[in-house]
Amino acid sequence: MVGCKCYPSLAVQLCLIIILCIDSAASRIRYEITAGNIGGAFAVKNETGAIYVASPLDYETRKFVSTHLLS
């Protein structure tokens, strides 16, 4: 499990973290958000694992977002 704290002032498209998975068979790994992420606050670049802010964060309406990533 990886976590990070985000502030409402973060710009849309700002990369928060890059998740890197290594496959011993050297297969191409793809990433996708599979659960959580209510309101589409975050997105992932499916080829790089870069998780970024996808829409403006509104701390007044949602104080916590949990997102599950599958690789």
N, C-alpha and C. Protein backbone atom coordinates (compact mmCIF):
# COMPACT_ATOMS: atom_id res chain seq x y z
N MET A 1 0.84 -1.17 0.00
CA MET A 1 0.00 0.00 0.00
C MET A 1 0.88 1.23 0.00
N VAL A 2 0.52 2.16 -0.82
CA VAL A 2 1.24 3.44 -0.92
C VAL A 2 0.23 4.55 -0.67
N GLY A 3 0.62 5.56 0.03
CA GLY A 3 -0.28 6.67 0.28
C GLY A 3 0.42 8.00 0.08
N CYS A 4 -0.36 9.01 -0.18
CA CYS A 4 0.19 10.35 -0.26
C CYS A 4 -0.88 11.35 0.14
N LYS A 5 -0.48 12.45 0.69
CA LYS A 5 -1.41 13.51 1.10
C LYS A 5 -1.40 14.57 0.01
N CYS A 6 -2.58 14.93 -0.43
CA CYS A 6 -2.72 15.93 -1.49
C CYS A 6 -3.43 17.15 -0.94
N TYR A 7 -3.04 18.29 -1.39
CA TYR A 7 -3.64 19.54 -0.97
C TYR A 7 -4.57 20.06 -2.05
N PRO A 8 -5.65 20.76 -1.68
CA PRO A 8 -6.62 21.24 -2.67
C PRO A 8 -6.02 22.15 -3.73
N SER A 9 -4.90 22.77 -3.44
CA SER A 9 -4.30 23.70 -4.40
C SER A 9 -3.49 23.01 -5.49
N LEU A 10 -3.41 21.68 -5.48
CA LEU A 10 -2.63 20.98 -6.51
C LEU A 10 -3.25 21.18 -7.89
N ALA A 11 -2.41 21.42 -8.85
CA ALA A 11 -2.87 21.67 -10.22
C ALA A 11 -3.32 20.38 -10.89
N VAL A 12 -4.36 20.49 -11.71
CA VAL A 12 -4.80 19.37 -12.54
C VAL A 12 -3.65 19.00 -13.47
N GLN A 13 -3.44 17.71 -13.70
CA GLN A 13 -2.37 17.14 -14.51
C GLN A 13 -1.04 17.01 -13.75
N LEU A 14 -0.98 17.44 -12.50
CA LEU A 14 0.24 17.31 -11.71
C LEU A 14 0.46 15.84 -11.37
N CYS A 15 1.63 15.32 -11.68
CA CYS A 15 1.98 13.93 -11.35
C CYS A 15 2.30 13.85 -9.87
N LEU A 16 1.64 12.92 -9.17
CA LEU A 16 1.84 12.75 -7.74
C LEU A 16 2.88 11.69 -7.42
N ILE A 17 2.82 10.58 -8.14
CA ILE A 17 3.69 9.45 -7.86
C ILE A 17 3.75 8.56 -9.10
N ILE A 18 4.85 7.86 -9.26
CA ILE A 18 4.97 6.88 -10.34
C ILE A 18 5.15 5.51 -9.72
N ILE A 19 4.26 4.60 -10.07
CA ILE A 19 4.32 3.23 -9.59
C ILE A 19 5.06 2.40 -10.64
N LEU A 20 6.07 1.69 -10.21
CA LEU A 20 6.87 0.89 -11.14
C LEU A 20 6.79 -0.57 -10.75
N CYS A 21 6.29 -1.39 -11.64
CA CYS A 21 6.26 -2.84 -11.44
C CYS A 21 7.22 -3.47 -12.44
N ILE A 22 7.92 -4.49 -12.00
CA ILE A 22 8.88 -5.17 -12.87
C ILE A 22 8.43 -6.61 -13.05
N ASP A 23 8.33 -7.02 -14.29
CA ASP A 23 7.92 -8.37 -14.63
C ASP A 23 9.16 -9.16 -15.04
N SER A 24 9.40 -10.28 -14.38
CA SER A 24 10.60 -11.07 -14.68
C SER A 24 10.59 -11.65 -16.10
N ALA A 25 9.42 -11.74 -16.71
CA ALA A 25 9.32 -12.25 -18.08
C ALA A 25 9.45 -11.14 -19.11
N ALA A 26 9.70 -9.93 -18.65
CA ALA A 26 9.88 -8.76 -19.52
C ALA A 26 8.64 -8.46 -20.35
N SER A 27 7.48 -8.80 -19.81
CA SER A 27 6.22 -8.48 -20.50
C SER A 27 5.88 -7.01 -20.29
N ARG A 28 5.10 -6.47 -21.19
CA ARG A 28 4.65 -5.09 -21.05
C ARG A 28 3.60 -5.03 -19.93
N ILE A 29 3.79 -4.14 -18.99
CA ILE A 29 2.87 -3.98 -17.86
C ILE A 29 2.00 -2.77 -18.12
N ARG A 30 0.70 -2.92 -17.90
CA ARG A 30 -0.26 -1.84 -18.05
C ARG A 30 -0.89 -1.58 -16.69
N TYR A 31 -1.28 -0.36 -16.45
CA TYR A 31 -1.84 0.04 -15.17
C TYR A 31 -3.25 0.59 -15.38
N GLU A 32 -4.14 0.34 -14.41
CA GLU A 32 -5.47 0.92 -14.47
C GLU A 32 -6.03 1.07 -13.07
N ILE A 33 -6.85 2.10 -12.89
CA ILE A 33 -7.55 2.29 -11.62
C ILE A 33 -8.77 1.40 -11.66
N THR A 34 -8.89 0.53 -10.65
CA THR A 34 -9.96 -0.47 -10.66
C THR A 34 -11.04 -0.23 -9.62
N ALA A 35 -10.79 0.61 -8.64
CA ALA A 35 -11.80 0.85 -7.60
C ALA A 35 -11.50 2.16 -6.90
N GLY A 36 -12.51 2.64 -6.19
CA GLY A 36 -12.34 3.90 -5.46
C GLY A 36 -12.35 5.07 -6.42
N ASN A 37 -11.56 6.07 -6.11
CA ASN A 37 -11.42 7.24 -6.97
C ASN A 37 -12.75 7.92 -7.26
N ILE A 38 -13.57 8.05 -6.23
CA ILE A 38 -14.88 8.69 -6.37
C ILE A 38 -14.71 10.10 -6.91
N GLY A 39 -15.48 10.43 -7.91
CA GLY A 39 -15.41 11.75 -8.50
C GLY A 39 -14.30 11.91 -9.53
N GLY A 40 -13.56 10.84 -9.80
CA GLY A 40 -12.50 10.90 -10.80
C GLY A 40 -11.39 11.88 -10.45
N ALA A 41 -11.06 11.97 -9.17
CA ALA A 41 -10.04 12.91 -8.72
C ALA A 41 -8.67 12.62 -9.31
N PHE A 42 -8.38 11.33 -9.52
CA PHE A 42 -7.06 10.93 -10.01
C PHE A 42 -7.18 10.07 -11.25
N ALA A 43 -6.10 9.98 -12.00
CA ALA A 43 -6.03 9.11 -13.18
C ALA A 43 -4.62 8.53 -13.23
N VAL A 44 -4.46 7.50 -14.05
CA VAL A 44 -3.15 6.87 -14.21
C VAL A 44 -2.83 6.77 -15.69
N LYS A 45 -1.60 7.05 -16.03
CA LYS A 45 -1.14 6.82 -17.41
C LYS A 45 -0.87 5.32 -17.50
N ASN A 46 -1.65 4.63 -18.33
CA ASN A 46 -1.64 3.17 -18.31
C ASN A 46 -0.32 2.53 -18.73
N GLU A 47 0.55 3.23 -19.40
CA GLU A 47 1.83 2.63 -19.80
C GLU A 47 2.98 2.97 -18.87
N THR A 48 2.84 4.04 -18.07
CA THR A 48 3.96 4.46 -17.22
C THR A 48 3.71 4.28 -15.73
N GLY A 49 2.45 4.15 -15.32
CA GLY A 49 2.12 4.04 -13.91
C GLY A 49 2.10 5.38 -13.19
N ALA A 50 2.18 6.48 -13.93
CA ALA A 50 2.15 7.81 -13.32
C ALA A 50 0.73 8.14 -12.89
N ILE A 51 0.54 8.38 -11.60
CA ILE A 51 -0.75 8.77 -11.06
C ILE A 51 -0.76 10.28 -10.94
N TYR A 52 -1.82 10.90 -11.48
CA TYR A 52 -1.86 12.36 -11.51
C TYR A 52 -3.24 12.88 -11.14
N VAL A 53 -3.31 14.15 -10.80
CA VAL A 53 -4.57 14.82 -10.47
C VAL A 53 -5.36 14.98 -11.77
N ALA A 54 -6.58 14.43 -11.80
CA ALA A 54 -7.38 14.47 -13.02
C ALA A 54 -8.46 15.55 -12.99
N SER A 55 -8.86 15.96 -11.81
CA SER A 55 -9.87 17.01 -11.68
C SER A 55 -9.57 17.82 -10.42
N PRO A 56 -10.07 19.05 -10.35
CA PRO A 56 -9.78 19.88 -9.18
C PRO A 56 -10.19 19.18 -7.88
N LEU A 57 -9.34 19.26 -6.87
CA LEU A 57 -9.62 18.65 -5.58
C LEU A 57 -10.40 19.63 -4.72
N ASP A 58 -11.48 19.16 -4.14
CA ASP A 58 -12.34 20.01 -3.32
C ASP A 58 -12.40 19.43 -1.91
N TYR A 59 -11.59 19.94 -1.03
CA TYR A 59 -11.49 19.44 0.33
C TYR A 59 -12.79 19.65 1.12
N GLU A 60 -13.59 20.61 0.73
CA GLU A 60 -14.84 20.88 1.44
C GLU A 60 -15.87 19.77 1.22
N THR A 61 -15.89 19.16 0.05
CA THR A 61 -16.87 18.11 -0.23
C THR A 61 -16.31 16.70 -0.03
N ARG A 62 -15.00 16.52 -0.14
CA ARG A 62 -14.41 15.18 0.03
C ARG A 62 -13.03 15.33 0.66
N LYS A 63 -12.89 14.81 1.87
CA LYS A 63 -11.63 14.94 2.60
C LYS A 63 -10.67 13.77 2.34
N PHE A 64 -11.18 12.68 1.75
CA PHE A 64 -10.36 11.49 1.55
C PHE A 64 -10.81 10.77 0.30
N VAL A 65 -9.86 10.33 -0.51
CA VAL A 65 -10.15 9.51 -1.70
C VAL A 65 -9.22 8.31 -1.66
N SER A 66 -9.78 7.14 -1.80
CA SER A 66 -9.00 5.91 -1.85
C SER A 66 -9.07 5.37 -3.27
N THR A 67 -7.94 5.07 -3.84
CA THR A 67 -7.87 4.60 -5.22
C THR A 67 -7.09 3.29 -5.27
N HIS A 68 -7.61 2.32 -6.00
CA HIS A 68 -6.95 1.03 -6.17
C HIS A 68 -6.39 0.94 -7.58
N LEU A 69 -5.15 0.49 -7.68
CA LEU A 69 -4.45 0.41 -8.96
C LEU A 69 -4.12 -1.04 -9.24
N LEU A 70 -4.36 -1.48 -10.46
CA LEU A 70 -4.04 -2.83 -10.90
C LEU A 70 -2.95 -2.76 -11.94
N SER A 71 -1.95 -3.62 -11.82
CA SER A 71 -0.90 -3.67 -12.84
C SER A 71 -0.81 -5.06 -13.40
